[in-house]
Amino acid sequence: MAEPSKSLANLPYTGCVGILLLLIIGGVFLVFAVRPYYLSHRAEATANILI
């Protein structure tokens, strides 16, 4: 059995690793959200040049 002081149940809910994981996951979501917007905006700008 694991020592109580080293088990995951006793880790704090806030801290470096948790915040880092949330930032990474949030950054990935942000990239996937911004990329289609950027590509559609660029395609629209290119279409306006061709007309």
PDB file of N, CA and C in Angstrom:
ATOM      1  N   MET A   1       0.843  -1.187   0.000  1.00  0.00           N
ATOM      2  CA  MET A   1       0.000   0.000   0.000  1.00  0.00           C
ATOM      3  C   MET A   1       0.886   1.248   0.000  1.00  0.00           C
ATOM      4  N   ALA A   2       0.445   2.282  -0.682  1.00  0.00           N
ATOM      5  CA  ALA A   2       1.233   3.505  -0.792  1.00  0.00           C
ATOM      6  C   ALA A   2       1.234   4.267   0.525  1.00  0.00           C
ATOM      7  N   GLU A   3       2.303   4.954   0.747  1.00  0.00           N
ATOM      8  CA  GLU A   3       2.404   5.792   1.936  1.00  0.00           C
ATOM      9  C   GLU A   3       1.421   6.966   1.786  1.00  0.00           C
ATOM     10  N   PRO A   4       0.647   7.288   2.813  1.00  0.00           N
ATOM     11  CA  PRO A   4      -0.384   8.330   2.684  1.00  0.00           C
ATOM     12  C   PRO A   4       0.153   9.675   2.219  1.00  0.00           C
ATOM     13  N   SER A   5       1.341  10.054   2.643  1.00  0.00           N
ATOM     14  CA  SER A   5       1.870  11.355   2.259  1.00  0.00           C
ATOM     15  C   SER A   5       2.274  11.397   0.794  1.00  0.00           C
ATOM     16  N   LYS A   6       2.393  10.239   0.144  1.00  0.00           N
ATOM     17  CA  LYS A   6       2.811  10.219  -1.256  1.00  0.00           C
ATOM     18  C   LYS A   6       1.675   9.827  -2.202  1.00  0.00           C
ATOM     19  N   SER A   7       0.465   9.604  -1.681  1.00  0.00           N
ATOM     20  CA  SER A   7      -0.640   9.201  -2.542  1.00  0.00           C
ATOM     21  C   SER A   7      -1.222  10.417  -3.258  1.00  0.00           C
ATOM     22  N   LEU A   8      -1.883  10.163  -4.359  1.00  0.00           N
ATOM     23  CA  LEU A   8      -2.451  11.256  -5.152  1.00  0.00           C
ATOM     24  C   LEU A   8      -3.607  11.947  -4.440  1.00  0.00           C
ATOM     25  N   ALA A   9      -4.261  11.261  -3.513  1.00  0.00           N
ATOM     26  CA  ALA A   9      -5.401  11.848  -2.807  1.00  0.00           C
ATOM     27  C   ALA A   9      -4.985  13.031  -1.945  1.00  0.00           C
ATOM     28  N   ASN A  10      -3.730  13.096  -1.559  1.00  0.00           N
ATOM     29  CA  ASN A  10      -3.278  14.174  -0.679  1.00  0.00           C
ATOM     30  C   ASN A  10      -2.633  15.338  -1.428  1.00  0.00           C
ATOM     31  N   LEU A  11      -2.607  15.277  -2.753  1.00  0.00           N
ATOM     32  CA  LEU A  11      -2.028  16.389  -3.502  1.00  0.00           C
ATOM     33  C   LEU A  11      -3.002  17.557  -3.523  1.00  0.00           C
ATOM     34  N   PRO A  12      -2.503  18.764  -3.509  1.00  0.00           N
ATOM     35  CA  PRO A  12      -3.399  19.918  -3.589  1.00  0.00           C
ATOM     36  C   PRO A  12      -4.037  20.013  -4.978  1.00  0.00           C
ATOM     37  N   TYR A  13      -5.204  20.629  -5.029  1.00  0.00           N
ATOM     38  CA  TYR A  13      -5.907  20.764  -6.304  1.00  0.00           C
ATOM     39  C   TYR A  13      -5.327  21.874  -7.165  1.00  0.00           C
ATOM     40  N   THR A  14      -4.601  22.793  -6.586  1.00  0.00           N
ATOM     41  CA  THR A  14      -3.952  23.842  -7.363  1.00  0.00           C
ATOM     42  C   THR A  14      -2.458  23.644  -7.274  1.00  0.00           C
ATOM     43  N   GLY A  15      -1.758  24.095  -8.273  1.00  0.00           N
ATOM     44  CA  GLY A  15      -0.317  23.956  -8.252  1.00  0.00           C
ATOM     45  C   GLY A  15       0.252  24.016  -9.641  1.00  0.00           C
ATOM     46  N   CYS A  16       1.526  23.893  -9.729  1.00  0.00           N
ATOM     47  CA  CYS A  16       2.247  24.080 -10.979  1.00  0.00           C
ATOM     48  C   CYS A  16       1.804  23.108 -12.054  1.00  0.00           C
ATOM     49  N   VAL A  17       1.775  21.814 -11.755  1.00  0.00           N
ATOM     50  CA  VAL A  17       1.475  20.824 -12.785  1.00  0.00           C
ATOM     51  C   VAL A  17       0.036  20.951 -13.256  1.00  0.00           C
ATOM     52  N   GLY A  18      -0.902  21.139 -12.346  1.00  0.00           N
ATOM     53  CA  GLY A  18      -2.308  21.277 -12.721  1.00  0.00           C
ATOM     54  C   GLY A  18      -2.542  22.502 -13.573  1.00  0.00           C
ATOM     55  N   ILE A  19      -1.974  23.617 -13.180  1.00  0.00           N
ATOM     56  CA  ILE A  19      -2.122  24.850 -13.940  1.00  0.00           C
ATOM     57  C   ILE A  19      -1.445  24.712 -15.300  1.00  0.00           C
ATOM     58  N   LEU A  20      -0.287  24.087 -15.334  1.00  0.00           N
ATOM     59  CA  LEU A  20       0.420  23.889 -16.592  1.00  0.00           C
ATOM     60  C   LEU A  20      -0.404  23.038 -17.553  1.00  0.00           C
ATOM     61  N   LEU A  21      -1.007  21.963 -17.042  1.00  0.00           N
ATOM     62  CA  LEU A  21      -1.846  21.121 -17.891  1.00  0.00           C
ATOM     63  C   LEU A  21      -3.047  21.895 -18.417  1.00  0.00           C
ATOM     64  N   LEU A  22      -3.672  22.689 -17.579  1.00  0.00           N
ATOM     65  CA  LEU A  22      -4.818  23.484 -18.030  1.00  0.00           C
ATOM     66  C   LEU A  22      -4.396  24.500 -19.086  1.00  0.00           C
ATOM     67  N   LEU A  23      -3.234  25.106 -18.923  1.00  0.00           N
ATOM     68  CA  LEU A  23      -2.755  26.061 -19.922  1.00  0.00           C
ATOM     69  C   LEU A  23      -2.472  25.381 -21.252  1.00  0.00           C
ATOM     70  N   ILE A  24      -1.881  24.189 -21.214  1.00  0.00           N
ATOM     71  CA  ILE A  24      -1.576  23.466 -22.443  1.00  0.00           C
ATOM     72  C   ILE A  24      -2.868  23.058 -23.146  1.00  0.00           C
ATOM     73  N   ILE A  25      -3.813  22.505 -22.393  1.00  0.00           N
ATOM     74  CA  ILE A  25      -5.087  22.086 -22.988  1.00  0.00           C
ATOM     75  C   ILE A  25      -5.831  23.303 -23.539  1.00  0.00           C
ATOM     76  N   GLY A  26      -5.826  24.402 -22.805  1.00  0.00           N
ATOM     77  CA  GLY A  26      -6.468  25.626 -23.276  1.00  0.00           C
ATOM     78  C   GLY A  26      -5.802  26.172 -24.531  1.00  0.00           C
ATOM     79  N   GLY A  27      -4.488  26.092 -24.587  1.00  0.00           N
ATOM     80  CA  GLY A  27      -3.770  26.543 -25.781  1.00  0.00           C
ATOM     81  C   GLY A  27      -4.092  25.702 -26.995  1.00  0.00           C
ATOM     82  N   VAL A  28      -4.221  24.398 -26.804  1.00  0.00           N
ATOM     83  CA  VAL A  28      -4.582  23.517 -27.919  1.00  0.00           C
ATOM     84  C   VAL A  28      -5.986  23.854 -28.413  1.00  0.00           C
ATOM     85  N   PHE A  29      -6.928  24.036 -27.487  1.00  0.00           N
ATOM     86  CA  PHE A  29      -8.283  24.427 -27.896  1.00  0.00           C
ATOM     87  C   PHE A  29      -8.266  25.758 -28.620  1.00  0.00           C
ATOM     88  N   LEU A  30      -7.461  26.684 -28.167  1.00  0.00           N
ATOM     89  CA  LEU A  30      -7.381  27.993 -28.800  1.00  0.00           C
ATOM     90  C   LEU A  30      -6.863  27.883 -30.221  1.00  0.00           C
ATOM     91  N   VAL A  31      -5.837  27.059 -30.432  1.00  0.00           N
ATOM     92  CA  VAL A  31      -5.291  26.868 -31.785  1.00  0.00           C
ATOM     93  C   VAL A  31      -6.360  26.291 -32.706  1.00  0.00           C
ATOM     94  N   PHE A  32      -7.093  25.278 -32.212  1.00  0.00           N
ATOM     95  CA  PHE A  32      -8.133  24.668 -33.041  1.00  0.00           C
ATOM     96  C   PHE A  32      -9.309  25.601 -33.268  1.00  0.00           C
ATOM     97  N   ALA A  33      -9.518  26.575 -32.402  1.00  0.00           N
ATOM     98  CA  ALA A  33     -10.609  27.526 -32.574  1.00  0.00           C
ATOM     99  C   ALA A  33     -10.209  28.668 -33.511  1.00  0.00           C
ATOM    100  N   VAL A  34      -8.968  29.116 -33.422  1.00  0.00           N
ATOM    101  CA  VAL A  34      -8.530  30.280 -34.201  1.00  0.00           C
ATOM    102  C   VAL A  34      -8.173  29.890 -35.630  1.00  0.00           C
ATOM    103  N   ARG A  35      -7.648  28.693 -35.840  1.00  0.00           N
ATOM    104  CA  ARG A  35      -7.178  28.285 -37.165  1.00  0.00           C
ATOM    105  C   ARG A  35      -8.280  28.336 -38.231  1.00  0.00           C
ATOM    106  N   PRO A  36      -9.469  27.764 -38.011  1.00  0.00           N
ATOM    107  CA  PRO A  36     -10.515  27.862 -39.049  1.00  0.00           C
ATOM    108  C   PRO A  36     -10.937  29.312 -39.318  1.00  0.00           C
ATOM    109  N   TYR A  37     -10.984  30.127 -38.269  1.00  0.00           N
ATOM    110  CA  TYR A  37     -11.333  31.539 -38.458  1.00  0.00           C
ATOM    111  C   TYR A  37     -10.291  32.229 -39.330  1.00  0.00           C
ATOM    112  N   TYR A  38      -9.031  31.990 -39.043  1.00  0.00           N
ATOM    113  CA  TYR A  38      -7.958  32.608 -39.813  1.00  0.00           C
ATOM    114  C   TYR A  38      -7.986  32.140 -41.268  1.00  0.00           C
ATOM    115  N   LEU A  39      -8.180  30.846 -41.479  1.00  0.00           N
ATOM    116  CA  LEU A  39      -8.194  30.318 -42.841  1.00  0.00           C
ATOM    117  C   LEU A  39      -9.380  30.863 -43.632  1.00  0.00           C
ATOM    118  N   SER A  40     -10.551  30.983 -43.013  1.00  0.00           N
ATOM    119  CA  SER A  40     -11.706  31.521 -43.731  1.00  0.00           C
ATOM    120  C   SER A  40     -11.518  33.009 -44.021  1.00  0.00           C
ATOM    121  N   HIS A  41     -10.917  33.718 -43.078  1.00  0.00           N
ATOM    122  CA  HIS A  41     -10.662  35.144 -43.295  1.00  0.00           C
ATOM    123  C   HIS A  41      -9.661  35.337 -44.437  1.00  0.00           C
ATOM    124  N   ARG A  42      -8.633  34.509 -44.476  1.00  0.00           N
ATOM    125  CA  ARG A  42      -7.642  34.593 -45.544  1.00  0.00           C
ATOM    126  C   ARG A  42      -8.253  34.220 -46.893  1.00  0.00           C
ATOM    127  N   ALA A  43      -9.117  33.200 -46.909  1.00  0.00           N
ATOM    128  CA  ALA A  43      -9.766  32.803 -48.148  1.00  0.00           C
ATOM    129  C   ALA A  43     -10.685  33.902 -48.646  1.00  0.00           C
ATOM    130  N   GLU A  44     -11.377  34.566 -47.743  1.00  0.00           N
ATOM    131  CA  GLU A  44     -12.262  35.667 -48.135  1.00  0.00           C
ATOM    132  C   GLU A  44     -11.452  36.834 -48.694  1.00  0.00           C
ATOM    133  N   ALA A  45     -10.328  37.136 -48.077  1.00  0.00           N
ATOM    134  CA  ALA A  45      -9.474  38.225 -48.566  1.00  0.00           C
ATOM    135  C   ALA A  45      -8.922  37.896 -49.934  1.00  0.00           C
ATOM    136  N   THR A  46      -8.537  36.653 -50.145  1.00  0.00           N
ATOM    137  CA  THR A  46      -8.012  36.231 -51.457  1.00  0.00           C
ATOM    138  C   THR A  46      -9.107  36.304 -52.512  1.00  0.00           C
ATOM    139  N   ALA A  47     -10.329  35.919 -52.159  1.00  0.00           N
ATOM    140  CA  ALA A  47     -11.447  35.963 -53.106  1.00  0.00           C
ATOM    141  C   ALA A  47     -11.744  37.407 -53.489  1.00  0.00           C
ATOM    142  N   ASN A  48     -11.615  38.335 -52.560  1.00  0.00           N
ATOM    143  CA  ASN A  48     -11.875  39.740 -52.865  1.00  0.00           C
ATOM    144  C   ASN A  48     -10.820  40.310 -53.805  1.00  0.00           C
ATOM    145  N   ILE A  49      -9.607  39.796 -53.729  1.00  0.00           N
ATOM    146  CA  ILE A  49      -8.549  40.268 -54.617  1.00  0.00           C
ATOM    147  C   ILE A  49      -8.797  39.787 -56.041  1.00  0.00           C
ATOM    148  N   LEU A  50      -9.301  38.570 -56.171  1.00  0.00           N
ATOM    149  CA  LEU A  50      -9.504  37.977 -57.495  1.00  0.00           C
ATOM    150  C   LEU A  50     -10.665  38.596 -58.251  1.00  0.00           C
ATOM    151  N   ILE A  51     -11.614  39.183 -57.526  1.00  0.00           N
ATOM    152  CA  ILE A  51     -12.793  39.754 -58.213  1.00  0.00           C
ATOM    153  C   ILE A  51     -12.442  41.071 -58.869  1.00  0.00           C
TER     154      ILE A  51
END
